[in-house]
Protein backbone atom coordinates (compact mmCIF):
# COMPACT_ATOMS: atom_id res chain seq x y z
CA UNK A 1 -33.16 58.27 -18.89
CA UNK A 2 -30.57 59.78 -21.22
CA UNK A 3 -29.97 58.66 -24.76
CA UNK A 4 -26.70 57.03 -23.77
CA UNK A 5 -28.48 55.09 -21.04
CA UNK A 6 -31.08 53.83 -23.51
CA UNK A 7 -28.39 52.65 -25.92
CA UNK A 8 -26.55 50.99 -23.05
CA UNK A 9 -29.78 49.33 -21.93
CA UNK A 10 -30.31 47.94 -25.44
CA UNK A 11 -26.72 46.70 -25.54
CA UNK A 12 -26.80 45.10 -22.09
CA UNK A 13 -30.30 43.67 -22.04
CA UNK A 14 -30.24 42.05 -25.36
CA UNK A 15 -30.90 42.05 -28.97
CA UNK A 16 -34.51 41.01 -28.49
CA UNK A 17 -35.42 44.37 -26.90
CA UNK A 18 -33.63 46.23 -29.69
CA UNK A 19 -35.40 44.16 -32.34
CA UNK A 20 -38.79 44.81 -30.76
CA UNK A 21 -38.06 48.53 -30.59
CA UNK A 22 -36.87 48.59 -34.20
CA UNK A 23 -39.99 46.71 -35.28
CA UNK A 24 -42.21 49.23 -33.51
CA UNK A 25 -40.23 52.11 -35.06
CA UNK A 26 -40.68 50.56 -38.51
CA UNK A 27 -44.41 50.25 -37.85
CA UNK A 28 -44.60 53.93 -36.86
CA UNK A 29 -42.57 54.97 -39.92
CA UNK A 30 -44.84 52.98 -42.20
CA UNK A 31 -47.97 54.61 -40.80
CA UNK A 32 -46.52 58.14 -40.88
CA UNK A 33 -44.59 58.15 -44.13
CA UNK A 34 -47.39 59.12 -46.50
CA UNK A 35 -48.51 62.08 -44.40
CA UNK A 36 -44.95 63.34 -44.00
CA UNK A 37 -44.20 62.90 -47.70
CA UNK A 38 -47.36 64.77 -48.69
CA UNK A 39 -46.33 67.73 -46.53
CA UNK A 40 -42.74 67.82 -47.71
CA UNK A 41 -42.74 66.82 -51.40
CA UNK A 42 -43.92 70.14 -52.84
CA UNK A 43 -40.88 71.95 -51.42
CA UNK A 44 -38.18 69.52 -52.59
CA UNK A 45 -37.51 71.07 -56.00
CA UNK A 46 -35.59 73.98 -54.50
CA UNK A 47 -33.72 72.08 -51.76
CA UNK A 48 -30.41 70.32 -51.41
CA UNK A 49 -30.29 66.93 -49.74
CA UNK A 50 -29.40 68.29 -46.27
CA UNK A 51 -32.24 70.78 -46.48
CA UNK A 52 -34.56 67.96 -47.51
CA UNK A 53 -33.47 65.89 -44.49
CA UNK A 54 -34.11 68.79 -42.12
CA UNK A 55 -37.44 69.65 -43.67
CA UNK A 56 -38.65 66.04 -43.55
CA UNK A 57 -37.48 65.77 -39.93
CA UNK A 58 -39.43 68.90 -39.00
CA UNK A 59 -42.57 67.72 -40.80
CA UNK A 60 -42.31 64.25 -39.23
CA UNK A 61 -41.85 65.43 -35.64
CA UNK A 62 -45.48 65.88 -34.63
CA UNK A 63 -46.82 63.02 -36.73
CA UNK A 64 -44.31 60.49 -35.41
CA UNK A 65 -44.69 61.74 -31.83
CA UNK A 66 -48.44 61.14 -31.99
CA UNK A 67 -48.00 57.58 -33.25
CA UNK A 68 -45.39 56.80 -30.61
CA UNK A 69 -47.65 58.25 -27.91
CA UNK A 70 -50.36 55.86 -29.08
CA UNK A 71 -47.95 52.91 -28.68
CA UNK A 72 -47.02 54.05 -25.16
CA UNK A 73 -50.69 54.53 -24.24
CA UNK A 74 -51.49 51.05 -25.55
CA UNK A 75 -48.70 49.54 -23.46
CA UNK A 76 -46.76 48.35 -26.51
CA UNK A 77 -43.79 50.65 -25.86
CA UNK A 78 -42.13 51.64 -22.60
CA UNK A 79 -42.18 55.35 -21.90
CA UNK A 80 -38.38 55.45 -21.51
CA UNK A 81 -38.00 54.08 -25.06
CA UNK A 82 -40.16 56.80 -26.60
CA UNK A 83 -37.35 59.06 -27.84
CA UNK A 84 -35.36 56.23 -29.35
CA UNK A 85 -38.44 54.92 -31.18
CA UNK A 86 -39.18 58.44 -32.48
CA UNK A 87 -35.60 58.86 -33.70
CA UNK A 88 -35.51 55.48 -35.46
CA UNK A 89 -38.92 56.01 -37.08
CA UNK A 90 -37.95 59.50 -38.24
CA UNK A 91 -34.69 58.27 -39.77
CA UNK A 92 -36.54 55.51 -41.63
CA UNK A 93 -39.00 58.08 -43.01
CA UNK A 94 -36.22 60.45 -44.07
CA UNK A 95 -34.36 57.69 -45.88
CA UNK A 96 -37.47 56.33 -47.63
CA UNK A 97 -38.82 59.71 -48.75
CA UNK A 98 -35.50 60.96 -50.10
CA UNK A 99 -34.78 57.63 -51.80
CA UNK A 100 -38.16 57.69 -53.52
CA UNK A 101 -37.79 61.35 -54.48
CA UNK A 102 -34.51 60.74 -56.28
CA UNK A 103 -35.70 57.47 -57.81
CA UNK A 104 -38.78 59.15 -59.27
CA UNK A 105 -37.15 62.52 -60.04
CA UNK A 106 -33.99 61.25 -61.73
CA UNK A 107 -35.59 60.62 -65.15
CA UNK A 108 -37.23 64.06 -65.07
CA UNK A 109 -33.97 65.74 -64.12
CA UNK A 110 -32.04 63.86 -66.80
CA UNK A 111 -34.58 64.59 -69.54
CA UNK A 112 -34.74 68.24 -68.52
CA UNK A 113 -30.97 68.53 -68.66
CA UNK A 114 -30.84 66.93 -72.10
CA UNK A 115 -33.44 69.27 -73.59
C-alpha cells in the first residue's frame, strides 16, 4: 500500500484510526527519544538545523523501526500502517530533540557570544 493510499485510508475510514495511529507513534517516539538523542547530541555543535534534522532522522531509523516492528508483532499495529507510524514517530523525535537542544543551548550560546 502506497503512502497516498494510507493517507486516503485514514481520511476515509475515520479520525479514530488516525488517532490510534498517532497515539502509537507518540508511544514509539517516547520510548526511542532518549536513545536517539544520546547518539546525536554530541555532533550538534557543528551542525545547522537541517543537518541536525537529517542526522537525527538517520540515527532514529533503526531504533524506531525496531519499536514499530514490536507493535506489529504484538498485533497492536497493522502491517500496512508501519511506514506511517515510523514517519510520525521520527518527526516527533526530531522536533523534541531539536527543541530541547535549542532550549538548553540558548543560554550557553548567548553567554559565549557576550564574553
